[in-house]
């Protein structure tokens, strides 16, 4: 299983290549909002989640998302803030979808820095 740990940048072309393993048009990912690093790929968000944990991230800082590769970055529906790992009642998030607009914006800004066309 191919999972890309990204500390700096990753191209959309590379994401598309990694996505072919499971979903083709979509790739699962997780982001550490404190370290501003991400991991992309795997069948489940937990696959990439474990890569970040192995790299020293704390679970409380890791949030899951999906990128829809048939859309352009920034376009409506390109980024989806949904993952089982996002269910965190103790952190104020009780659903799979991240509902906090501040947290969503932070994730969006990190991904804008990391994912390049």
N, C-alpha and C. Protein backbone atom coordinates (compact mmCIF):
# COMPACT_ATOMS: atom_id res chain seq x y z
N UNK A 1 0.85 -1.18 0.00
CA UNK A 1 0.00 0.00 0.00
C UNK A 1 0.89 1.24 0.00
N UNK A 2 0.62 2.13 -0.91
CA UNK A 2 1.43 3.35 -1.04
C UNK A 2 0.76 4.49 -0.29
N UNK A 3 1.50 5.06 0.64
CA UNK A 3 1.05 6.25 1.38
C UNK A 3 2.20 7.24 1.34
N UNK A 4 1.88 8.46 0.95
CA UNK A 4 2.89 9.51 0.86
C UNK A 4 2.83 10.41 2.09
N UNK A 5 3.94 10.48 2.83
CA UNK A 5 4.09 11.41 3.94
C UNK A 5 4.68 12.69 3.36
N UNK A 6 3.98 13.81 3.56
CA UNK A 6 4.40 15.06 2.92
C UNK A 6 4.70 16.12 3.97
N UNK A 7 5.95 16.54 3.98
CA UNK A 7 6.36 17.60 4.90
C UNK A 7 6.45 18.95 4.18
N UNK A 8 6.63 18.90 2.86
CA UNK A 8 6.77 20.14 2.09
C UNK A 8 5.66 20.27 1.06
N UNK A 9 5.84 19.64 -0.10
CA UNK A 9 4.87 19.76 -1.19
C UNK A 9 4.67 18.42 -1.88
N UNK A 10 3.50 18.28 -2.51
CA UNK A 10 3.21 17.13 -3.35
C UNK A 10 2.40 17.64 -4.54
N UNK A 11 2.65 17.08 -5.70
CA UNK A 11 1.93 17.52 -6.90
C UNK A 11 0.60 16.78 -7.03
N UNK A 12 -0.32 17.42 -7.72
CA UNK A 12 -1.59 16.76 -8.02
C UNK A 12 -1.35 15.49 -8.84
N UNK A 13 -0.36 15.52 -9.71
CA UNK A 13 -0.05 14.34 -10.53
C UNK A 13 0.36 13.17 -9.64
N UNK A 14 1.13 13.43 -8.61
CA UNK A 14 1.53 12.37 -7.69
C UNK A 14 0.32 11.86 -6.91
N UNK A 15 -0.55 12.77 -6.46
CA UNK A 15 -1.76 12.34 -5.76
C UNK A 15 -2.63 11.47 -6.66
N UNK A 16 -2.74 11.84 -7.92
CA UNK A 16 -3.53 11.05 -8.87
C UNK A 16 -2.94 9.65 -9.03
N UNK A 17 -1.62 9.57 -9.04
CA UNK A 17 -0.94 8.27 -9.16
C UNK A 17 -1.21 7.41 -7.93
N UNK A 18 -1.10 8.00 -6.74
CA UNK A 18 -1.34 7.26 -5.49
C UNK A 18 -2.81 6.83 -5.41
N UNK A 19 -3.71 7.69 -5.88
CA UNK A 19 -5.15 7.40 -5.81
C UNK A 19 -5.56 6.20 -6.63
N UNK A 20 -4.80 5.87 -7.65
CA UNK A 20 -5.14 4.74 -8.53
C UNK A 20 -5.20 3.41 -7.78
N UNK A 21 -4.51 3.31 -6.65
CA UNK A 21 -4.47 2.06 -5.91
C UNK A 21 -5.84 1.67 -5.35
N UNK A 22 -6.66 2.69 -4.94
CA UNK A 22 -7.95 2.35 -4.34
C UNK A 22 -9.15 3.05 -4.96
N UNK A 23 -9.08 4.36 -5.19
CA UNK A 23 -10.31 5.09 -5.52
C UNK A 23 -10.28 5.83 -6.85
N UNK A 24 -9.15 6.00 -7.46
CA UNK A 24 -8.98 6.71 -8.74
C UNK A 24 -9.34 8.18 -8.70
N UNK A 25 -10.59 8.53 -8.52
CA UNK A 25 -11.05 9.92 -8.59
C UNK A 25 -10.92 10.65 -7.26
N UNK A 26 -10.59 9.92 -6.19
CA UNK A 26 -10.56 10.50 -4.86
C UNK A 26 -9.40 9.90 -4.08
N UNK A 27 -8.81 10.69 -3.18
CA UNK A 27 -7.76 10.18 -2.32
C UNK A 27 -8.06 10.56 -0.88
N UNK A 28 -7.83 9.64 0.02
CA UNK A 28 -8.00 9.91 1.44
C UNK A 28 -6.71 10.50 1.97
N UNK A 29 -6.86 11.36 2.96
CA UNK A 29 -5.68 11.97 3.57
C UNK A 29 -5.94 12.37 5.00
N UNK A 30 -4.84 12.62 5.69
CA UNK A 30 -4.90 13.13 7.06
C UNK A 30 -3.87 14.24 7.19
N UNK A 31 -4.15 15.16 8.08
CA UNK A 31 -3.25 16.29 8.28
C UNK A 31 -3.03 16.51 9.77
N UNK A 32 -1.79 16.80 10.11
CA UNK A 32 -1.44 17.20 11.48
C UNK A 32 -1.47 18.72 11.49
N UNK A 33 -2.44 19.28 12.19
CA UNK A 33 -2.64 20.73 12.14
C UNK A 33 -1.60 21.51 12.93
N UNK A 34 -0.84 20.85 13.79
CA UNK A 34 0.23 21.53 14.52
C UNK A 34 1.54 21.48 13.75
N UNK A 35 1.90 20.32 13.23
CA UNK A 35 3.15 20.16 12.49
C UNK A 35 3.02 20.61 11.04
N UNK A 36 1.77 20.75 10.57
CA UNK A 36 1.46 21.14 9.19
C UNK A 36 2.09 20.17 8.18
N UNK A 37 1.89 18.87 8.47
CA UNK A 37 2.30 17.81 7.55
C UNK A 37 1.07 16.97 7.25
N UNK A 38 1.14 16.20 6.18
CA UNK A 38 0.00 15.38 5.78
C UNK A 38 0.47 14.04 5.26
N UNK A 39 -0.45 13.09 5.24
CA UNK A 39 -0.21 11.80 4.62
C UNK A 39 -1.39 11.50 3.71
N UNK A 40 -1.11 10.99 2.51
CA UNK A 40 -2.12 10.73 1.50
C UNK A 40 -2.04 9.28 1.05
N UNK A 41 -3.21 8.67 0.86
CA UNK A 41 -3.27 7.33 0.33
C UNK A 41 -3.83 6.34 1.33
N UNK A 42 -3.93 5.11 0.90
CA UNK A 42 -4.48 4.06 1.73
C UNK A 42 -5.95 3.83 1.44
N UNK A 43 -6.43 2.70 1.90
CA UNK A 43 -7.84 2.39 1.71
C UNK A 43 -8.71 3.12 2.73
N UNK A 44 -8.17 3.28 3.92
CA UNK A 44 -8.89 3.94 5.01
C UNK A 44 -8.05 5.11 5.53
N UNK A 45 -8.70 6.10 6.12
CA UNK A 45 -7.97 7.21 6.71
C UNK A 45 -6.99 6.72 7.78
N UNK A 46 -7.36 5.66 8.47
CA UNK A 46 -6.50 5.14 9.53
C UNK A 46 -5.15 4.68 9.00
N UNK A 47 -5.09 4.25 7.74
CA UNK A 47 -3.81 3.85 7.15
C UNK A 47 -2.83 5.02 7.16
N UNK A 48 -3.28 6.17 6.66
CA UNK A 48 -2.43 7.36 6.63
C UNK A 48 -2.24 7.91 8.04
N UNK A 49 -3.27 7.79 8.87
CA UNK A 49 -3.20 8.25 10.26
C UNK A 49 -2.02 7.59 10.98
N UNK A 50 -1.86 6.29 10.77
CA UNK A 50 -0.78 5.55 11.44
C UNK A 50 0.60 5.99 10.96
N UNK A 51 0.69 6.43 9.71
CA UNK A 51 1.96 6.96 9.20
C UNK A 51 2.33 8.24 9.96
N UNK A 52 1.35 9.13 10.18
CA UNK A 52 1.64 10.36 10.93
C UNK A 52 1.98 10.06 12.39
N UNK A 53 1.27 9.12 12.99
CA UNK A 53 1.59 8.73 14.37
C UNK A 53 3.03 8.21 14.42
N UNK A 54 3.40 7.39 13.46
CA UNK A 54 4.76 6.86 13.39
C UNK A 54 5.81 7.95 13.19
N UNK A 55 5.39 9.08 12.61
CA UNK A 55 6.31 10.21 12.38
C UNK A 55 6.34 11.16 13.57
N UNK A 56 5.60 10.80 14.64
CA UNK A 56 5.65 11.62 15.86
C UNK A 56 4.45 12.51 16.11
N UNK A 57 3.45 12.47 15.24
CA UNK A 57 2.26 13.30 15.44
C UNK A 57 1.42 12.78 16.60
N UNK A 58 0.67 13.67 17.22
CA UNK A 58 -0.27 13.30 18.29
C UNK A 58 -1.65 13.14 17.67
N UNK A 59 -2.38 12.11 18.09
CA UNK A 59 -3.70 11.83 17.53
C UNK A 59 -4.63 13.04 17.62
N UNK A 60 -4.55 13.79 18.68
CA UNK A 60 -5.45 14.93 18.87
C UNK A 60 -5.23 16.03 17.82
N UNK A 61 -4.09 15.99 17.13
CA UNK A 61 -3.79 17.00 16.10
C UNK A 61 -4.08 16.51 14.68
N UNK A 62 -4.47 15.24 14.53
CA UNK A 62 -4.65 14.65 13.21
C UNK A 62 -6.13 14.63 12.84
N UNK A 63 -6.43 15.12 11.63
CA UNK A 63 -7.80 15.17 11.13
C UNK A 63 -7.85 14.60 9.72
N UNK A 64 -8.94 13.92 9.40
CA UNK A 64 -9.08 13.26 8.10
C UNK A 64 -9.89 14.06 7.10
N UNK A 65 -9.61 13.82 5.83
CA UNK A 65 -10.29 14.51 4.74
C UNK A 65 -10.22 13.64 3.49
N UNK A 66 -10.95 14.04 2.47
CA UNK A 66 -10.89 13.44 1.14
C UNK A 66 -10.66 14.55 0.13
N UNK A 67 -9.87 14.28 -0.87
CA UNK A 67 -9.69 15.21 -1.99
C UNK A 67 -10.28 14.54 -3.22
N UNK A 68 -11.17 15.25 -3.89
CA UNK A 68 -11.80 14.76 -5.11
C UNK A 68 -10.99 15.27 -6.30
N UNK A 69 -10.24 14.39 -6.91
CA UNK A 69 -9.26 14.76 -7.92
C UNK A 69 -9.87 15.16 -9.26
N UNK A 70 -11.16 14.91 -9.46
CA UNK A 70 -11.81 15.34 -10.69
C UNK A 70 -12.23 16.81 -10.61
N UNK A 71 -11.96 17.43 -9.46
CA UNK A 71 -12.23 18.87 -9.28
C UNK A 71 -10.89 19.58 -9.15
N UNK A 72 -10.89 20.88 -9.34
CA UNK A 72 -9.68 21.67 -9.22
C UNK A 72 -9.51 22.16 -7.78
N UNK A 73 -8.26 22.30 -7.32
CA UNK A 73 -8.04 22.81 -5.96
C UNK A 73 -8.77 24.13 -5.75
N UNK A 74 -9.46 24.23 -4.63
CA UNK A 74 -10.23 25.42 -4.31
C UNK A 74 -11.66 25.40 -4.83
N UNK A 75 -11.92 24.54 -5.81
CA UNK A 75 -13.27 24.43 -6.37
C UNK A 75 -14.20 23.77 -5.35
N UNK A 76 -15.46 24.18 -5.37
CA UNK A 76 -16.48 23.58 -4.51
C UNK A 76 -16.45 22.06 -4.64
N UNK A 77 -16.33 21.36 -3.52
CA UNK A 77 -16.33 19.92 -3.52
C UNK A 77 -14.97 19.27 -3.69
N UNK A 78 -13.92 20.06 -3.90
CA UNK A 78 -12.58 19.50 -4.04
C UNK A 78 -12.14 18.85 -2.73
N UNK A 79 -12.39 19.53 -1.63
CA UNK A 79 -11.98 19.05 -0.31
C UNK A 79 -13.21 18.72 0.51
N UNK A 80 -13.21 17.52 1.07
CA UNK A 80 -14.32 17.04 1.89
C UNK A 80 -13.75 16.72 3.27
N UNK A 81 -14.33 17.27 4.31
CA UNK A 81 -13.82 17.14 5.68
C UNK A 81 -14.51 15.98 6.41
N UNK A 82 -14.51 14.80 5.82
CA UNK A 82 -15.24 13.67 6.38
C UNK A 82 -14.32 12.46 6.58
N UNK A 83 -14.37 11.90 7.77
CA UNK A 83 -13.59 10.70 8.10
C UNK A 83 -14.06 10.14 9.43
N UNK A 84 -13.99 8.84 9.57
CA UNK A 84 -14.31 8.23 10.86
C UNK A 84 -13.38 8.73 11.97
N UNK A 85 -12.13 9.04 11.63
CA UNK A 85 -11.20 9.49 12.68
C UNK A 85 -11.56 10.87 13.22
N UNK A 86 -12.48 11.56 12.56
CA UNK A 86 -12.88 12.89 13.01
C UNK A 86 -13.93 12.86 14.13
N UNK A 87 -14.46 11.69 14.44
CA UNK A 87 -15.45 11.60 15.51
C UNK A 87 -14.70 11.71 16.84
N UNK A 88 -14.81 12.90 17.46
CA UNK A 88 -14.07 13.20 18.68
C UNK A 88 -14.90 14.04 19.64
N UNK A 89 -15.82 13.42 20.32
CA UNK A 89 -16.66 14.20 21.25
C UNK A 89 -15.85 14.99 22.27
N UNK A 90 -14.71 14.42 22.72
CA UNK A 90 -13.89 15.13 23.70
C UNK A 90 -13.19 16.36 23.12
N UNK A 91 -13.19 16.49 21.79
CA UNK A 91 -12.61 17.67 21.14
C UNK A 91 -13.71 18.50 20.46
N UNK A 92 -14.95 18.19 20.79
CA UNK A 92 -16.06 18.99 20.28
C UNK A 92 -16.56 18.62 18.90
N UNK A 93 -16.11 17.51 18.34
CA UNK A 93 -16.57 17.09 17.02
C UNK A 93 -17.26 15.74 17.16
N UNK A 94 -18.58 15.73 17.03
CA UNK A 94 -19.34 14.51 17.31
C UNK A 94 -19.77 13.74 16.05
N UNK A 95 -19.36 14.22 14.89
CA UNK A 95 -19.72 13.54 13.65
C UNK A 95 -18.46 13.25 12.83
N UNK A 96 -18.63 12.51 11.74
CA UNK A 96 -17.51 12.23 10.84
C UNK A 96 -17.03 13.49 10.13
N UNK A 97 -17.93 14.45 9.97
CA UNK A 97 -17.57 15.69 9.29
C UNK A 97 -17.04 16.71 10.30
N UNK A 98 -15.95 17.37 9.94
CA UNK A 98 -15.43 18.44 10.78
C UNK A 98 -16.39 19.63 10.64
N UNK A 99 -16.95 20.06 11.76
CA UNK A 99 -17.96 21.11 11.73
C UNK A 99 -17.42 22.48 12.14
N UNK A 100 -16.30 22.53 12.80
CA UNK A 100 -15.72 23.80 13.26
C UNK A 100 -15.13 24.56 12.07
N UNK A 101 -15.68 25.75 11.75
CA UNK A 101 -15.19 26.49 10.58
C UNK A 101 -13.73 26.93 10.72
N UNK A 102 -13.28 27.19 11.93
CA UNK A 102 -11.89 27.61 12.14
C UNK A 102 -10.95 26.44 11.84
N UNK A 103 -11.30 25.26 12.30
CA UNK A 103 -10.49 24.06 12.04
C UNK A 103 -10.49 23.73 10.54
N UNK A 104 -11.65 23.84 9.92
CA UNK A 104 -11.74 23.59 8.47
C UNK A 104 -10.84 24.55 7.69
N UNK A 105 -10.84 25.81 8.07
CA UNK A 105 -10.02 26.80 7.38
C UNK A 105 -8.53 26.51 7.58
N UNK A 106 -8.16 26.11 8.79
CA UNK A 106 -6.75 25.77 9.06
C UNK A 106 -6.31 24.61 8.17
N UNK A 107 -7.13 23.58 8.08
CA UNK A 107 -6.82 22.42 7.23
C UNK A 107 -6.70 22.87 5.77
N UNK A 108 -7.65 23.68 5.32
CA UNK A 108 -7.65 24.18 3.95
C UNK A 108 -6.35 24.94 3.65
N UNK A 109 -5.93 25.80 4.55
CA UNK A 109 -4.72 26.59 4.33
C UNK A 109 -3.47 25.70 4.29
N UNK A 110 -3.41 24.71 5.15
CA UNK A 110 -2.27 23.77 5.14
C UNK A 110 -2.23 23.02 3.81
N UNK A 111 -3.38 22.55 3.36
CA UNK A 111 -3.40 21.79 2.10
C UNK A 111 -3.08 22.67 0.90
N UNK A 112 -3.45 23.94 0.95
CA UNK A 112 -3.09 24.86 -0.14
C UNK A 112 -1.58 25.01 -0.24
N UNK A 113 -0.87 24.96 0.89
CA UNK A 113 0.58 25.04 0.88
C UNK A 113 1.23 23.75 0.41
N UNK A 114 0.61 22.63 0.73
CA UNK A 114 1.22 21.32 0.44
C UNK A 114 0.93 20.82 -0.97
N UNK A 115 -0.32 20.94 -1.43
CA UNK A 115 -0.71 20.37 -2.72
C UNK A 115 -0.50 21.41 -3.82
N UNK A 116 0.32 21.06 -4.79
CA UNK A 116 0.65 21.97 -5.89
C UNK A 116 0.18 21.39 -7.22
N UNK A 117 -0.29 22.28 -8.08
CA UNK A 117 -0.77 21.85 -9.41
C UNK A 117 0.33 21.52 -10.35
